[in-house]
Amino acid sequence: MEQRTELGETVVHDEVLATIARRAALTVPGVEDLQQRGLPENVQSWVHHALPFRGVRVVSREDGHYDIDLFVVVRYGVRIPSVARALQHAVNNALYEAVERYPDHLVIHVEGVRAVDA
């Protein structure tokens, strides 16, 4: 994402936006994890430690606008629409606080449900 002003230019890399979105998403009650879509379980384990923006896809455009996709695993028994709304609110606010621009599109993909061990 690029922002130009009369004073200069600021470039925020997609990985930075993804990391902000991921951290905000993980604060939402009912979100157990974010996962990279389509990766086998053994690769996901490695990616979990290697990529702090795992489970988030950012698409930036030259005009400074961007879109975010989140791939989440929710806790079994939660109301998914409520968690999705809370995710949208938390992620939008975190991104706006960081870069003063909301994503044009924020799409929540519920990739799984995880039971919490008692």
PDB file of N, CA and C in Angstrom:
ATOM      1  N   MET A   1       0.849  -1.165   0.000  1.00  0.00           N
ATOM      2  CA  MET A   1       0.000   0.000   0.000  1.00  0.00           C
ATOM      3  C   MET A   1       0.898   1.233   0.000  1.00  0.00           C
ATOM      4  N   GLU A   2       0.616   2.157  -0.886  1.00  0.00           N
ATOM      5  CA  GLU A   2       1.395   3.389  -0.976  1.00  0.00           C
ATOM      6  C   GLU A   2       0.514   4.589  -0.681  1.00  0.00           C
ATOM      7  N   GLN A   3       1.094   5.539   0.033  1.00  0.00           N
ATOM      8  CA  GLN A   3       0.415   6.799   0.287  1.00  0.00           C
ATOM      9  C   GLN A   3       1.371   7.911  -0.099  1.00  0.00           C
ATOM     10  N   ARG A   4       0.892   8.803  -0.951  1.00  0.00           N
ATOM     11  CA  ARG A   4       1.706   9.942  -1.383  1.00  0.00           C
ATOM     12  C   ARG A   4       1.103  11.225  -0.833  1.00  0.00           C
ATOM     13  N   THR A   5       1.978  12.074  -0.348  1.00  0.00           N
ATOM     14  CA  THR A   5       1.565  13.402   0.106  1.00  0.00           C
ATOM     15  C   THR A   5       2.519  14.422  -0.507  1.00  0.00           C
ATOM     16  N   GLU A   6       2.279  15.669  -0.220  1.00  0.00           N
ATOM     17  CA  GLU A   6       3.175  16.706  -0.730  1.00  0.00           C
ATOM     18  C   GLU A   6       4.559  16.616  -0.089  1.00  0.00           C
ATOM     19  N   LEU A   7       4.652  15.902   1.023  1.00  0.00           N
ATOM     20  CA  LEU A   7       5.929  15.768   1.728  1.00  0.00           C
ATOM     21  C   LEU A   7       6.732  14.540   1.304  1.00  0.00           C
ATOM     22  N   GLY A   8       6.089  13.588   0.654  1.00  0.00           N
ATOM     23  CA  GLY A   8       6.807  12.382   0.250  1.00  0.00           C
ATOM     24  C   GLY A   8       5.886  11.189   0.102  1.00  0.00           C
ATOM     25  N   GLU A   9       6.461  10.013   0.188  1.00  0.00           N
ATOM     26  CA  GLU A   9       5.739   8.771  -0.062  1.00  0.00           C
ATOM     27  C   GLU A   9       5.999   7.791   1.076  1.00  0.00           C
ATOM     28  N   THR A  10       4.952   7.071   1.452  1.00  0.00           N
ATOM     29  CA  THR A  10       5.064   6.008   2.450  1.00  0.00           C
ATOM     30  C   THR A  10       4.613   4.714   1.794  1.00  0.00           C
ATOM     31  N   VAL A  11       5.439   3.677   1.924  1.00  0.00           N
ATOM     32  CA  VAL A  11       5.102   2.359   1.385  1.00  0.00           C
ATOM     33  C   VAL A  11       4.978   1.400   2.556  1.00  0.00           C
ATOM     34  N   VAL A  12       3.798   0.791   2.704  1.00  0.00           N
ATOM     35  CA  VAL A  12       3.565  -0.211   3.729  1.00  0.00           C
ATOM     36  C   VAL A  12       3.414  -1.546   3.006  1.00  0.00           C
ATOM     37  N   HIS A  13       4.297  -2.479   3.292  1.00  0.00           N
ATOM     38  CA  HIS A  13       4.281  -3.772   2.608  1.00  0.00           C
ATOM     39  C   HIS A  13       3.085  -4.606   3.044  1.00  0.00           C
ATOM     40  N   ASP A  14       2.640  -5.462   2.143  1.00  0.00           N
ATOM     41  CA  ASP A  14       1.487  -6.320   2.412  1.00  0.00           C
ATOM     42  C   ASP A  14       1.679  -7.168   3.667  1.00  0.00           C
ATOM     43  N   GLU A  15       2.911  -7.605   3.914  1.00  0.00           N
ATOM     44  CA  GLU A  15       3.188  -8.439   5.087  1.00  0.00           C
ATOM     45  C   GLU A  15       2.913  -7.671   6.380  1.00  0.00           C
ATOM     46  N   VAL A  16       3.143  -6.377   6.369  1.00  0.00           N
ATOM     47  CA  VAL A  16       2.871  -5.552   7.545  1.00  0.00           C
ATOM     48  C   VAL A  16       1.367  -5.467   7.777  1.00  0.00           C
ATOM     49  N   LEU A  17       0.616  -5.205   6.716  1.00  0.00           N
ATOM     50  CA  LEU A  17      -0.845  -5.168   6.832  1.00  0.00           C
ATOM     51  C   LEU A  17      -1.378  -6.514   7.314  1.00  0.00           C
ATOM     52  N   ALA A  18      -0.824  -7.601   6.777  1.00  0.00           N
ATOM     53  CA  ALA A  18      -1.267  -8.947   7.158  1.00  0.00           C
ATOM     54  C   ALA A  18      -0.964  -9.230   8.622  1.00  0.00           C
ATOM     55  N   THR A  19       0.187  -8.819   9.097  1.00  0.00           N
ATOM     56  CA  THR A  19       0.552  -9.047  10.494  1.00  0.00           C
ATOM     57  C   THR A  19      -0.373  -8.277  11.426  1.00  0.00           C
ATOM     58  N   ILE A  20      -0.688  -7.043  11.083  1.00  0.00           N
ATOM     59  CA  ILE A  20      -1.618  -6.240  11.887  1.00  0.00           C
ATOM     60  C   ILE A  20      -2.992  -6.902  11.919  1.00  0.00           C
ATOM     61  N   ALA A  21      -3.474  -7.334  10.752  1.00  0.00           N
ATOM     62  CA  ALA A  21      -4.788  -7.981  10.673  1.00  0.00           C
ATOM     63  C   ALA A  21      -4.808  -9.272  11.486  1.00  0.00           C
ATOM     64  N   ARG A  22      -3.754 -10.073  11.384  1.00  0.00           N
ATOM     65  CA  ARG A  22      -3.689 -11.342  12.111  1.00  0.00           C
ATOM     66  C   ARG A  22      -3.712 -11.114  13.621  1.00  0.00           C
ATOM     67  N   ARG A  23      -2.890 -10.196  14.090  1.00  0.00           N
ATOM     68  CA  ARG A  23      -2.845  -9.936  15.536  1.00  0.00           C
ATOM     69  C   ARG A  23      -4.201  -9.452  16.051  1.00  0.00           C
ATOM     70  N   ALA A  24      -4.857  -8.588  15.292  1.00  0.00           N
ATOM     71  CA  ALA A  24      -6.175  -8.101  15.703  1.00  0.00           C
ATOM     72  C   ALA A  24      -7.191  -9.237  15.709  1.00  0.00           C
ATOM     73  N   ALA A  25      -7.139 -10.092  14.705  1.00  0.00           N
ATOM     74  CA  ALA A  25      -8.094 -11.206  14.601  1.00  0.00           C
ATOM     75  C   ALA A  25      -7.961 -12.157  15.783  1.00  0.00           C
ATOM     76  N   LEU A  26      -6.741 -12.407  16.208  1.00  0.00           N
ATOM     77  CA  LEU A  26      -6.516 -13.366  17.297  1.00  0.00           C
ATOM     78  C   LEU A  26      -6.960 -12.834  18.656  1.00  0.00           C
ATOM     79  N   THR A  27      -7.298 -11.554  18.747  1.00  0.00           N
ATOM     80  CA  THR A  27      -7.813 -11.002  20.007  1.00  0.00           C
ATOM     81  C   THR A  27      -9.318 -11.204  20.140  1.00  0.00           C
ATOM     82  N   VAL A  28      -9.975 -11.610  19.072  1.00  0.00           N
ATOM     83  CA  VAL A  28     -11.436 -11.727  19.077  1.00  0.00           C
ATOM     84  C   VAL A  28     -11.850 -13.026  19.769  1.00  0.00           C
ATOM     85  N   PRO A  29     -12.700 -12.948  20.784  1.00  0.00           N
ATOM     86  CA  PRO A  29     -13.180 -14.161  21.439  1.00  0.00           C
ATOM     87  C   PRO A  29     -13.898 -15.067  20.435  1.00  0.00           C
ATOM     88  N   GLY A  30     -13.582 -16.335  20.494  1.00  0.00           N
ATOM     89  CA  GLY A  30     -14.182 -17.312  19.581  1.00  0.00           C
ATOM     90  C   GLY A  30     -13.286 -17.673  18.422  1.00  0.00           C
ATOM     91  N   VAL A  31     -12.244 -16.875  18.183  1.00  0.00           N
ATOM     92  CA  VAL A  31     -11.278 -17.202  17.128  1.00  0.00           C
ATOM     93  C   VAL A  31     -10.180 -18.035  17.760  1.00  0.00           C
ATOM     94  N   GLU A  32     -10.029 -19.254  17.274  1.00  0.00           N
ATOM     95  CA  GLU A  32      -9.009 -20.150  17.796  1.00  0.00           C
ATOM     96  C   GLU A  32      -7.674 -19.975  17.087  1.00  0.00           C
ATOM     97  N   ASP A  33      -7.722 -19.737  15.778  1.00  0.00           N
ATOM     98  CA  ASP A  33      -6.481 -19.667  15.010  1.00  0.00           C
ATOM     99  C   ASP A  33      -6.797 -19.107  13.630  1.00  0.00           C
ATOM    100  N   LEU A  34      -5.756 -18.779  12.909  1.00  0.00           N
ATOM    101  CA  LEU A  34      -5.854 -18.480  11.491  1.00  0.00           C
ATOM    102  C   LEU A  34      -4.985 -19.502  10.791  1.00  0.00           C
ATOM    103  N   GLN A  35      -5.397 -19.947   9.639  1.00  0.00           N
ATOM    104  CA  GLN A  35      -4.617 -20.968   8.952  1.00  0.00           C
ATOM    105  C   GLN A  35      -4.478 -20.639   7.488  1.00  0.00           C
ATOM    106  N   GLN A  36      -3.375 -21.070   6.927  1.00  0.00           N
ATOM    107  CA  GLN A  36      -3.142 -20.851   5.506  1.00  0.00           C
ATOM    108  C   GLN A  36      -3.960 -21.849   4.723  1.00  0.00           C
ATOM    109  N   ARG A  37      -4.796 -21.361   3.885  1.00  0.00           N
ATOM    110  CA  ARG A  37      -5.719 -22.189   3.131  1.00  0.00           C
ATOM    111  C   ARG A  37      -4.992 -23.132   2.183  1.00  0.00           C
ATOM    112  N   GLY A  38      -5.417 -24.387   2.202  1.00  0.00           N
ATOM    113  CA  GLY A  38      -4.943 -25.352   1.218  1.00  0.00           C
ATOM    114  C   GLY A  38      -3.616 -26.005   1.536  1.00  0.00           C
ATOM    115  N   LEU A  39      -3.020 -25.723   2.699  1.00  0.00           N
ATOM    116  CA  LEU A  39      -1.752 -26.360   3.032  1.00  0.00           C
ATOM    117  C   LEU A  39      -1.993 -27.602   3.881  1.00  0.00           C
ATOM    118  N   PRO A  40      -1.207 -28.668   3.655  1.00  0.00           N
ATOM    119  CA  PRO A  40      -1.331 -29.851   4.505  1.00  0.00           C
ATOM    120  C   PRO A  40      -0.990 -29.517   5.957  1.00  0.00           C
ATOM    121  N   GLU A  41      -1.518 -30.290   6.885  1.00  0.00           N
ATOM    122  CA  GLU A  41      -1.346 -30.056   8.311  1.00  0.00           C
ATOM    123  C   GLU A  41       0.129 -29.952   8.712  1.00  0.00           C
ATOM    124  N   ASN A  42       1.001 -30.831   8.188  1.00  0.00           N
ATOM    125  CA  ASN A  42       2.415 -30.794   8.582  1.00  0.00           C
ATOM    126  C   ASN A  42       3.103 -29.528   8.078  1.00  0.00           C
ATOM    127  N   VAL A  43       2.690 -29.004   6.931  1.00  0.00           N
ATOM    128  CA  VAL A  43       3.258 -27.764   6.415  1.00  0.00           C
ATOM    129  C   VAL A  43       2.705 -26.582   7.200  1.00  0.00           C
ATOM    130  N   GLN A  44       1.426 -26.646   7.587  1.00  0.00           N
ATOM    131  CA  GLN A  44       0.830 -25.566   8.364  1.00  0.00           C
ATOM    132  C   GLN A  44       1.576 -25.370   9.676  1.00  0.00           C
ATOM    133  N   SER A  45       2.036 -26.449  10.284  1.00  0.00           N
ATOM    134  CA  SER A  45       2.781 -26.360  11.531  1.00  0.00           C
ATOM    135  C   SER A  45       4.056 -25.545  11.336  1.00  0.00           C
ATOM    136  N   TRP A  46       4.769 -25.800  10.262  1.00  0.00           N
ATOM    137  CA  TRP A  46       5.987 -25.051   9.974  1.00  0.00           C
ATOM    138  C   TRP A  46       5.662 -23.599   9.649  1.00  0.00           C
ATOM    139  N   VAL A  47       4.641 -23.398   8.827  1.00  0.00           N
ATOM    140  CA  VAL A  47       4.249 -22.046   8.423  1.00  0.00           C
ATOM    141  C   VAL A  47       3.820 -21.234   9.641  1.00  0.00           C
ATOM    142  N   HIS A  48       3.200 -21.902  10.621  1.00  0.00           N
ATOM    143  CA  HIS A  48       2.751 -21.227  11.839  1.00  0.00           C
ATOM    144  C   HIS A  48       3.896 -20.469  12.500  1.00  0.00           C
ATOM    145  N   HIS A  49       5.069 -21.070  12.526  1.00  0.00           N
ATOM    146  CA  HIS A  49       6.213 -20.435  13.177  1.00  0.00           C
ATOM    147  C   HIS A  49       6.996 -19.535  12.230  1.00  0.00           C
ATOM    148  N   ALA A  50       6.942 -19.811  10.947  1.00  0.00           N
ATOM    149  CA  ALA A  50       7.770 -19.076   9.992  1.00  0.00           C
ATOM    150  C   ALA A  50       7.120 -17.785   9.503  1.00  0.00           C
ATOM    151  N   LEU A  51       5.807 -17.756   9.425  1.00  0.00           N
ATOM    152  CA  LEU A  51       5.131 -16.600   8.847  1.00  0.00           C
ATOM    153  C   LEU A  51       4.166 -15.971   9.849  1.00  0.00           C
ATOM    154  N   PRO A  52       4.482 -14.781  10.352  1.00  0.00           N
ATOM    155  CA  PRO A  52       3.598 -14.140  11.324  1.00  0.00           C
ATOM    156  C   PRO A  52       2.284 -13.665  10.712  1.00  0.00           C
ATOM    157  N   PHE A  53       2.164 -13.703   9.386  1.00  0.00           N
ATOM    158  CA  PHE A  53       0.945 -13.245   8.721  1.00  0.00           C
ATOM    159  C   PHE A  53       0.160 -14.412   8.130  1.00  0.00           C
ATOM    160  N   ARG A  54       0.423 -15.609   8.622  1.00  0.00           N
ATOM    161  CA  ARG A  54      -0.265 -16.813   8.155  1.00  0.00           C
ATOM    162  C   ARG A  54      -1.776 -16.666   8.343  1.00  0.00           C
ATOM    163  N   GLY A  55      -2.518 -17.110   7.339  1.00  0.00           N
ATOM    164  CA  GLY A  55      -3.970 -17.065   7.419  1.00  0.00           C
ATOM    165  C   GLY A  55      -4.579 -15.752   6.964  1.00  0.00           C
ATOM    166  N   VAL A  56      -3.753 -14.872   6.394  1.00  0.00           N
ATOM    167  CA  VAL A  56      -4.231 -13.576   5.914  1.00  0.00           C
ATOM    168  C   VAL A  56      -3.707 -13.371   4.501  1.00  0.00           C
ATOM    169  N   ARG A  57      -4.596 -12.973   3.609  1.00  0.00           N
ATOM    170  CA  ARG A  57      -4.181 -12.616   2.255  1.00  0.00           C
ATOM    171  C   ARG A  57      -4.480 -11.131   2.050  1.00  0.00           C
ATOM    172  N   VAL A  58      -3.474 -10.418   1.588  1.00  0.00           N
ATOM    173  CA  VAL A  58      -3.617  -8.986   1.299  1.00  0.00           C
ATOM    174  C   VAL A  58      -3.407  -8.784  -0.190  1.00  0.00           C
ATOM    175  N   VAL A  59      -4.306  -8.038  -0.808  1.00  0.00           N
ATOM    176  CA  VAL A  59      -4.156  -7.668  -2.207  1.00  0.00           C
ATOM    177  C   VAL A  59      -4.134  -6.142  -2.258  1.00  0.00           C
ATOM    178  N   SER A  60      -2.965  -5.599  -2.587  1.00  0.00           N
ATOM    179  CA  SER A  60      -2.811  -4.144  -2.693  1.00  0.00           C
ATOM    180  C   SER A  60      -2.897  -3.722  -4.146  1.00  0.00           C
ATOM    181  N   ARG A  61      -3.412  -2.514  -4.345  1.00  0.00           N
ATOM    182  CA  ARG A  61      -3.479  -1.944  -5.683  1.00  0.00           C
ATOM    183  C   ARG A  61      -2.627  -0.686  -5.730  1.00  0.00           C
ATOM    184  N   GLU A  62      -2.288  -0.259  -6.906  1.00  0.00           N
ATOM    185  CA  GLU A  62      -1.411   0.905  -7.081  1.00  0.00           C
ATOM    186  C   GLU A  62      -2.022   2.195  -6.561  1.00  0.00           C
ATOM    187  N   ASP A  63      -3.346   2.242  -6.460  1.00  0.00           N
ATOM    188  CA  ASP A  63      -3.999   3.475  -6.006  1.00  0.00           C
ATOM    189  C   ASP A  63      -3.996   3.622  -4.485  1.00  0.00           C
ATOM    190  N   GLY A  64      -3.299   2.727  -3.774  1.00  0.00           N
ATOM    191  CA  GLY A  64      -3.235   2.801  -2.319  1.00  0.00           C
ATOM    192  C   GLY A  64      -4.337   2.051  -1.616  1.00  0.00           C
ATOM    193  N   HIS A  65      -5.262   1.478  -2.351  1.00  0.00           N
ATOM    194  CA  HIS A  65      -6.347   0.703  -1.763  1.00  0.00           C
ATOM    195  C   HIS A  65      -5.907  -0.748  -1.629  1.00  0.00           C
ATOM    196  N   TYR A  66      -6.576  -1.462  -0.718  1.00  0.00           N
ATOM    197  CA  TYR A  66      -6.213  -2.869  -0.503  1.00  0.00           C
ATOM    198  C   TYR A  66      -7.418  -3.662  -0.004  1.00  0.00           C
ATOM    199  N   ASP A  67      -7.334  -4.981  -0.196  1.00  0.00           N
ATOM    200  CA  ASP A  67      -8.351  -5.922   0.263  1.00  0.00           C
ATOM    201  C   ASP A  67      -7.692  -6.925   1.193  1.00  0.00           C
ATOM    202  N   ILE A  68      -8.475  -7.464   2.128  1.00  0.00           N
ATOM    203  CA  ILE A  68      -7.981  -8.448   3.088  1.00  0.00           C
ATOM    204  C   ILE A  68      -8.919  -9.649   3.089  1.00  0.00           C
ATOM    205  N   ASP A  69      -8.337 -10.846   3.071  1.00  0.00           N
ATOM    206  CA  ASP A  69      -9.058 -12.096   3.305  1.00  0.00           C
ATOM    207  C   ASP A  69      -8.471 -12.730   4.547  1.00  0.00           C
ATOM    208  N   LEU A  70      -9.334 -13.128   5.493  1.00  0.00           N
ATOM    209  CA  LEU A  70      -8.904 -13.838   6.695  1.00  0.00           C
ATOM    210  C   LEU A  70      -9.428 -15.256   6.636  1.00  0.00           C
ATOM    211  N   PHE A  71      -8.582 -16.216   6.943  1.00  0.00           N
ATOM    212  CA  PHE A  71      -8.942 -17.631   6.946  1.00  0.00           C
ATOM    213  C   PHE A  71      -8.862 -18.105   8.389  1.00  0.00           C
ATOM    214  N   VAL A  72     -10.022 -18.215   9.043  1.00  0.00           N
ATOM    215  CA  VAL A  72     -10.060 -18.441  10.483  1.00  0.00           C
ATOM    216  C   VAL A  72     -10.607 -19.813  10.857  1.00  0.00           C
ATOM    217  N   VAL A  73     -10.186 -20.241  12.043  1.00  0.00           N
ATOM    218  CA  VAL A  73     -10.740 -21.418  12.709  1.00  0.00           C
ATOM    219  C   VAL A  73     -11.416 -20.890  13.959  1.00  0.00           C
ATOM    220  N   VAL A  74     -12.691 -21.219  14.119  1.00  0.00           N
ATOM    221  CA  VAL A  74     -13.446 -20.728  15.267  1.00  0.00           C
ATOM    222  C   VAL A  74     -13.646 -21.835  16.294  1.00  0.00           C
ATOM    223  N   ARG A  75     -13.943 -21.417  17.503  1.00  0.00           N
ATOM    224  CA  ARG A  75     -14.208 -22.356  18.594  1.00  0.00           C
ATOM    225  C   ARG A  75     -15.576 -22.994  18.387  1.00  0.00           C
ATOM    226  N   TYR A  76     -15.653 -24.293  18.619  1.00  0.00           N
ATOM    227  CA  TYR A  76     -16.921 -25.010  18.510  1.00  0.00           C
ATOM    228  C   TYR A  76     -17.941 -24.397  19.469  1.00  0.00           C
ATOM    229  N   GLY A  77     -19.139 -24.159  18.973  1.00  0.00           N
ATOM    230  CA  GLY A  77     -20.231 -23.664  19.802  1.00  0.00           C
ATOM    231  C   GLY A  77     -20.443 -22.163  19.744  1.00  0.00           C
ATOM    232  N   VAL A  78     -19.532 -21.427  19.094  1.00  0.00           N
ATOM    233  CA  VAL A  78     -19.727 -19.976  19.003  1.00  0.00           C
ATOM    234  C   VAL A  78     -20.748 -19.656  17.920  1.00  0.00           C
ATOM    235  N   ARG A  79     -21.306 -18.476  17.999  1.00  0.00           N
ATOM    236  CA  ARG A  79     -22.199 -17.993  16.947  1.00  0.00           C
ATOM    237  C   ARG A  79     -21.319 -17.366  15.874  1.00  0.00           C
ATOM    238  N   ILE A  80     -21.176 -18.058  14.774  1.00  0.00           N
ATOM    239  CA  ILE A  80     -20.233 -17.651  13.725  1.00  0.00           C
ATOM    240  C   ILE A  80     -20.534 -16.248  13.193  1.00  0.00           C
ATOM    241  N   PRO A  81     -21.793 -15.885  12.922  1.00  0.00           N
ATOM    242  CA  PRO A  81     -22.033 -14.516  12.445  1.00  0.00           C
ATOM    243  C   PRO A  81     -21.571 -13.453  13.448  1.00  0.00           C
ATOM    244  N   SER A  82     -21.735 -13.709  14.739  1.00  0.00           N
ATOM    245  CA  SER A  82     -21.292 -12.755  15.757  1.00  0.00           C
ATOM    246  C   SER A  82     -19.774 -12.640  15.780  1.00  0.00           C
ATOM    247  N   VAL A  83     -19.092 -13.769  15.681  1.00  0.00           N
ATOM    248  CA  VAL A  83     -17.630 -13.758  15.658  1.00  0.00           C
ATOM    249  C   VAL A  83     -17.138 -13.035  14.399  1.00  0.00           C
ATOM    250  N   ALA A  84     -17.793 -13.274  13.271  1.00  0.00           N
ATOM    251  CA  ALA A  84     -17.384 -12.625  12.019  1.00  0.00           C
ATOM    252  C   ALA A  84     -17.545 -11.107  12.116  1.00  0.00           C
ATOM    253  N   ARG A  85     -18.630 -10.636  12.709  1.00  0.00           N
ATOM    254  CA  ARG A  85     -18.821  -9.195  12.885  1.00  0.00           C
ATOM    255  C   ARG A  85     -17.751  -8.611  13.801  1.00  0.00           C
ATOM    256  N   ALA A  86     -17.459  -9.318  14.878  1.00  0.00           N
ATOM    257  CA  ALA A  86     -16.425  -8.849  15.801  1.00  0.00           C
ATOM    258  C   ALA A  86     -15.059  -8.828  15.112  1.00  0.00           C
ATOM    259  N   LEU A  87     -14.793  -9.822  14.268  1.00  0.00           N
ATOM    260  CA  LEU A  87     -13.552  -9.856  13.490  1.00  0.00           C
ATOM    261  C   LEU A  87     -13.457  -8.654  12.567  1.00  0.00           C
ATOM    262  N   GLN A  88     -14.529  -8.384  11.844  1.00  0.00           N
ATOM    263  CA  GLN A  88     -14.516  -7.250  10.921  1.00  0.00           C
ATOM    264  C   GLN A  88     -14.254  -5.947  11.667  1.00  0.00           C
ATOM    265  N   HIS A  89     -14.897  -5.789  12.799  1.00  0.00           N
ATOM    266  CA  HIS A  89     -14.728  -4.575  13.592  1.00  0.00           C
ATOM    267  C   HIS A  89     -13.280  -4.454  14.095  1.00  0.00           C
ATOM    268  N   ALA A  90     -12.754  -5.514  14.695  1.00  0.00           N
ATOM    269  CA  ALA A  90     -11.406  -5.480  15.275  1.00  0.00           C
ATOM    270  C   ALA A  90     -10.334  -5.259  14.212  1.00  0.00           C
ATOM    271  N   VAL A  91     -10.443  -5.966  13.108  1.00  0.00           N
ATOM    272  CA  VAL A  91      -9.420  -5.870  12.062  1.00  0.00           C
ATOM    273  C   VAL A  91      -9.496  -4.515  11.366  1.00  0.00           C
ATOM    274  N   ASN A  92     -10.687  -4.073  11.023  1.00  0.00           N
ATOM    275  CA  ASN A  92     -10.826  -2.747  10.401  1.00  0.00           C
ATOM    276  C   ASN A  92     -10.246  -1.656  11.292  1.00  0.00           C
ATOM    277  N   ASN A  93     -10.569  -1.691  12.579  1.00  0.00           N
ATOM    278  CA  ASN A  93     -10.073  -0.664  13.500  1.00  0.00           C
ATOM    279  C   ASN A  93      -8.555  -0.712  13.637  1.00  0.00           C
ATOM    280  N   ALA A  94      -7.989  -1.898  13.750  1.00  0.00           N
ATOM    281  CA  ALA A  94      -6.532  -2.029  13.892  1.00  0.00           C
ATOM    282  C   ALA A  94      -5.814  -1.511  12.652  1.00  0.00           C
ATOM    283  N   LEU A  95      -6.340  -1.838  11.482  1.00  0.00           N
ATOM    284  CA  LEU A  95      -5.710  -1.373  10.248  1.00  0.00           C
ATOM    285  C   LEU A  95      -5.840   0.141  10.100  1.00  0.00           C
ATOM    286  N   TYR A  96      -6.994   0.677  10.445  1.00  0.00           N
ATOM    287  CA  TYR A  96      -7.162   2.124  10.343  1.00  0.00           C
ATOM    288  C   TYR A  96      -6.234   2.857  11.319  1.00  0.00           C
ATOM    289  N   GLU A  97      -6.117   2.331  12.522  1.00  0.00           N
ATOM    290  CA  GLU A  97      -5.211   2.937  13.510  1.00  0.00           C
ATOM    291  C   GLU A  97      -3.776   2.948  12.997  1.00  0.00           C
ATOM    292  N   ALA A  98      -3.383   1.895  12.288  1.00  0.00           N
ATOM    293  CA  ALA A  98      -1.991   1.766  11.836  1.00  0.00           C
ATOM    294  C   ALA A  98      -1.699   2.584  10.582  1.00  0.00           C
ATOM    295  N   VAL A  99      -2.609   2.559   9.600  1.00  0.00           N
ATOM    296  CA  VAL A  99      -2.293   3.171   8.303  1.00  0.00           C
ATOM    297  C   VAL A  99      -3.305   4.229   7.852  1.00  0.00           C
ATOM    298  N   GLU A 100      -4.277   4.525   8.703  1.00  0.00           N
ATOM    299  CA  GLU A 100      -5.299   5.531   8.419  1.00  0.00           C
ATOM    300  C   GLU A 100      -6.071   5.269   7.125  1.00  0.00           C
ATOM    301  N   ARG A 101      -6.275   3.997   6.856  1.00  0.00           N
ATOM    302  CA  ARG A 101      -7.084   3.625   5.702  1.00  0.00           C
ATOM    303  C   ARG A 101      -7.688   2.236   5.970  1.00  0.00           C
ATOM    304  N   TYR A 102      -9.009   2.147   5.799  1.00  0.00           N
ATOM    305  CA  TYR A 102      -9.680   0.857   5.925  1.00  0.00           C
ATOM    306  C   TYR A 102      -9.445   0.045   4.654  1.00  0.00           C
ATOM    307  N   PRO A 103      -9.489  -1.283   4.761  1.00  0.00           N
ATOM    308  CA  PRO A 103      -9.471  -2.069   3.529  1.00  0.00           C
ATOM    309  C   PRO A 103     -10.778  -1.837   2.762  1.00  0.00           C
ATOM    310  N   ASP A 104     -10.709  -1.928   1.443  1.00  0.00           N
ATOM    311  CA  ASP A 104     -11.934  -1.795   0.643  1.00  0.00           C
ATOM    312  C   ASP A 104     -12.857  -2.978   0.861  1.00  0.00           C
ATOM    313  N   HIS A 105     -12.276  -4.156   0.985  1.00  0.00           N
ATOM    314  CA  HIS A 105     -13.033  -5.384   1.229  1.00  0.00           C
ATOM    315  C   HIS A 105     -12.317  -6.179   2.313  1.00  0.00           C
ATOM    316  N   LEU A 106     -13.088  -6.666   3.272  1.00  0.00           N
ATOM    317  CA  LEU A 106     -12.572  -7.552   4.307  1.00  0.00           C
ATOM    318  C   LEU A 106     -13.474  -8.768   4.308  1.00  0.00           C
ATOM    319  N   VAL A 107     -12.923  -9.898   3.893  1.00  0.00           N
ATOM    320  CA  VAL A 107     -13.716 -11.120   3.758  1.00  0.00           C
ATOM    321  C   VAL A 107     -13.229 -12.130   4.798  1.00  0.00           C
ATOM    322  N   ILE A 108     -14.178 -12.654   5.570  1.00  0.00           N
ATOM    323  CA  ILE A 108     -13.885 -13.662   6.584  1.00  0.00           C
ATOM    324  C   ILE A 108     -14.237 -15.027   5.998  1.00  0.00           C
ATOM    325  N   HIS A 109     -13.259 -15.918   5.945  1.00  0.00           N
ATOM    326  CA  HIS A 109     -13.463 -17.297   5.479  1.00  0.00           C
ATOM    327  C   HIS A 109     -13.347 -18.193   6.714  1.00  0.00           C
ATOM    328  N   VAL A 110     -14.439 -18.842   7.095  1.00  0.00           N
ATOM    329  CA  VAL A 110     -14.379 -19.773   8.226  1.00  0.00           C
ATOM    330  C   VAL A 110     -13.925 -21.117   7.660  1.00  0.00           C
ATOM    331  N   GLU A 111     -12.679 -21.465   7.969  1.00  0.00           N
ATOM    332  CA  GLU A 111     -12.042 -22.652   7.399  1.00  0.00           C
ATOM    333  C   GLU A 111     -12.208 -23.889   8.274  1.00  0.00           C
ATOM    334  N   GLY A 112     -12.593 -23.693   9.526  1.00  0.00           N
ATOM    335  CA  GLY A 112     -12.738 -24.849  10.399  1.00  0.00           C
ATOM    336  C   GLY A 112     -13.320 -24.479  11.744  1.00  0.00           C
ATOM    337  N   VAL A 113     -13.631 -25.517  12.495  1.00  0.00           N
ATOM    338  CA  VAL A 113     -14.164 -25.385  13.844  1.00  0.00           C
ATOM    339  C   VAL A 113     -13.311 -26.286  14.729  1.00  0.00           C
ATOM    340  N   ARG A 114     -12.914 -25.755  15.886  1.00  0.00           N
ATOM    341  CA  ARG A 114     -12.063 -26.533  16.784  1.00  0.00           C
ATOM    342  C   ARG A 114     -12.745 -26.628  18.141  1.00  0.00           C
ATOM    343  N   ALA A 115     -12.831 -27.863  18.621  1.00  0.00           N
ATOM    344  CA  ALA A 115     -13.356 -28.082  19.972  1.00  0.00           C
ATOM    345  C   ALA A 115     -12.267 -27.725  20.969  1.00  0.00           C
ATOM    346  N   VAL A 116     -12.662 -27.089  22.043  1.00  0.00           N
ATOM    347  CA  VAL A 116     -11.716 -26.717  23.089  1.00  0.00           C
ATOM    348  C   VAL A 116     -11.731 -27.815  24.133  1.00  0.00           C
ATOM    349  N   ASP A 117     -10.554 -28.352  24.447  1.00  0.00           N
ATOM    350  CA  ASP A 117     -10.441 -29.393  25.462  1.00  0.00           C
ATOM    351  C   ASP A 117     -10.770 -28.825  26.834  1.00  0.00           C
ATOM    352  N   ALA A 118     -11.534 -29.581  27.575  1.00  0.00           N
ATOM    353  CA  ALA A 118     -11.921 -29.121  28.911  1.00  0.00           C
ATOM    354  C   ALA A 118     -10.856 -29.384  29.932  1.00  0.00           C
TER     355      ALA A 118
END
